[in-house]
């Protein structure tokens, strides 16, 4: 008979599953994890062996870039100062 598990432990494990699923989705999109046409076990294993380190490299590189180049906060356009834009009128005789 299985040992009872507390609810908080089940929630923790379920939360972990989400991050694993996100990693697989990212690997599929960025590293081509899902682009192999599986015919043999050996070819699939080689493909995954290359795709997963490629995903790890891209993840680490992106994290380092975020740390080194902190992106500025988004500016809400409603809080920007309002200055009238200069108006350029075309002169009908000489052109714009």
Protein backbone atom coordinates (compact mmCIF):
# COMPACT_ATOMS: atom_id res chain seq x y z
CA UNK A 1 0.00 0.00 0.00
CA UNK A 2 1.41 3.46 -0.90
CA UNK A 3 2.47 5.81 1.86
CA UNK A 4 0.14 8.80 2.32
CA UNK A 5 1.61 12.07 1.07
CA UNK A 6 0.68 15.47 2.52
CA UNK A 7 -1.15 17.91 0.27
CA UNK A 8 1.64 20.51 0.36
CA UNK A 9 4.07 17.91 -1.02
CA UNK A 10 1.71 17.08 -3.89
CA UNK A 11 1.36 20.79 -4.69
CA UNK A 12 5.15 21.21 -4.66
CA UNK A 13 5.65 18.30 -7.07
CA UNK A 14 2.85 19.54 -9.34
CA UNK A 15 4.54 22.96 -9.45
CA UNK A 16 7.81 21.37 -10.49
CA UNK A 17 6.10 19.59 -13.34
CA UNK A 18 5.12 22.95 -14.84
CA UNK A 19 8.75 24.11 -15.05
CA UNK A 20 9.75 20.80 -16.67
CA UNK A 21 6.97 21.18 -19.26
CA UNK A 22 8.07 24.76 -19.98
CA UNK A 23 11.65 23.56 -20.49
CA UNK A 24 10.52 20.96 -23.01
CA UNK A 25 8.40 23.51 -24.88
CA UNK A 26 11.34 25.91 -25.02
CA UNK A 27 13.64 23.12 -26.19
CA UNK A 28 11.22 22.29 -28.96
CA UNK A 29 11.03 25.90 -30.09
CA UNK A 30 14.68 26.96 -29.74
CA UNK A 31 16.78 23.82 -30.03
CA UNK A 32 14.72 21.76 -32.46
CA UNK A 33 14.02 18.96 -30.02
CA UNK A 34 10.87 17.97 -31.89
CA UNK A 35 12.26 18.19 -35.43
CA UNK A 36 13.80 14.74 -35.66
CA UNK A 37 12.03 12.02 -37.60
CA UNK A 38 12.48 9.06 -35.30
CA UNK A 39 13.28 5.83 -37.07
CA UNK A 40 15.90 4.27 -34.85
CA UNK A 41 16.63 4.55 -31.14
CA UNK A 42 20.28 5.43 -31.76
CA UNK A 43 19.52 8.34 -34.07
CA UNK A 44 16.90 9.74 -31.66
CA UNK A 45 19.34 9.43 -28.74
CA UNK A 46 22.03 11.30 -30.70
CA UNK A 47 19.56 14.01 -31.70
CA UNK A 48 18.39 14.55 -28.12
CA UNK A 49 21.99 14.43 -26.88
CA UNK A 50 22.74 17.41 -29.13
CA UNK A 51 19.48 19.31 -28.68
CA UNK A 52 19.44 19.33 -24.87
CA UNK A 53 22.95 20.82 -24.42
CA UNK A 54 22.08 23.36 -27.12
CA UNK A 55 19.02 24.36 -25.09
CA UNK A 56 21.12 24.54 -21.91
CA UNK A 57 23.65 26.77 -23.68
CA UNK A 58 20.92 29.10 -24.94
CA UNK A 59 19.33 29.27 -21.49
CA UNK A 60 22.61 30.11 -19.74
CA UNK A 61 23.54 32.67 -22.40
CA UNK A 62 20.16 34.40 -22.10
CA UNK A 63 20.43 34.47 -18.30
CA UNK A 64 23.91 36.01 -18.46
CA UNK A 65 22.70 38.63 -20.91
CA UNK A 66 19.81 39.55 -18.62
CA UNK A 67 22.20 39.94 -15.69
CA UNK A 68 24.77 41.99 -17.64
CA UNK A 69 22.31 44.17 -19.51
CA UNK A 70 19.44 44.93 -17.22
CA UNK A 71 16.54 45.87 -19.42
CA UNK A 72 14.90 49.16 -18.56
CA UNK A 73 11.42 49.08 -17.17
CA UNK A 74 8.62 49.57 -19.62
CA UNK A 75 7.36 53.11 -19.73
CA UNK A 76 3.65 53.64 -19.56
CA UNK A 77 2.79 55.98 -22.46
CA UNK A 78 0.04 57.58 -20.39
CA UNK A 79 2.65 58.92 -17.98
CA UNK A 80 4.96 60.47 -20.60
CA UNK A 81 5.15 64.27 -20.74
CA UNK A 82 3.01 65.70 -23.50
CA UNK A 83 4.85 68.07 -25.83
CA UNK A 84 3.24 69.24 -29.04
CA UNK A 85 5.00 67.77 -32.04
CA UNK A 86 6.46 70.28 -34.51
CA UNK A 87 4.19 70.79 -37.47
CA UNK A 88 5.75 71.03 -40.92
CA UNK A 89 3.48 72.56 -43.53
CA UNK A 90 4.16 71.87 -47.17
CA UNK A 91 4.45 74.98 -49.29
CA UNK A 92 2.30 74.36 -52.39
CA UNK A 93 4.68 76.35 -54.58
CA UNK A 94 8.01 74.86 -53.49
CA UNK A 95 6.92 71.37 -52.33
CA UNK A 96 7.44 69.74 -48.93
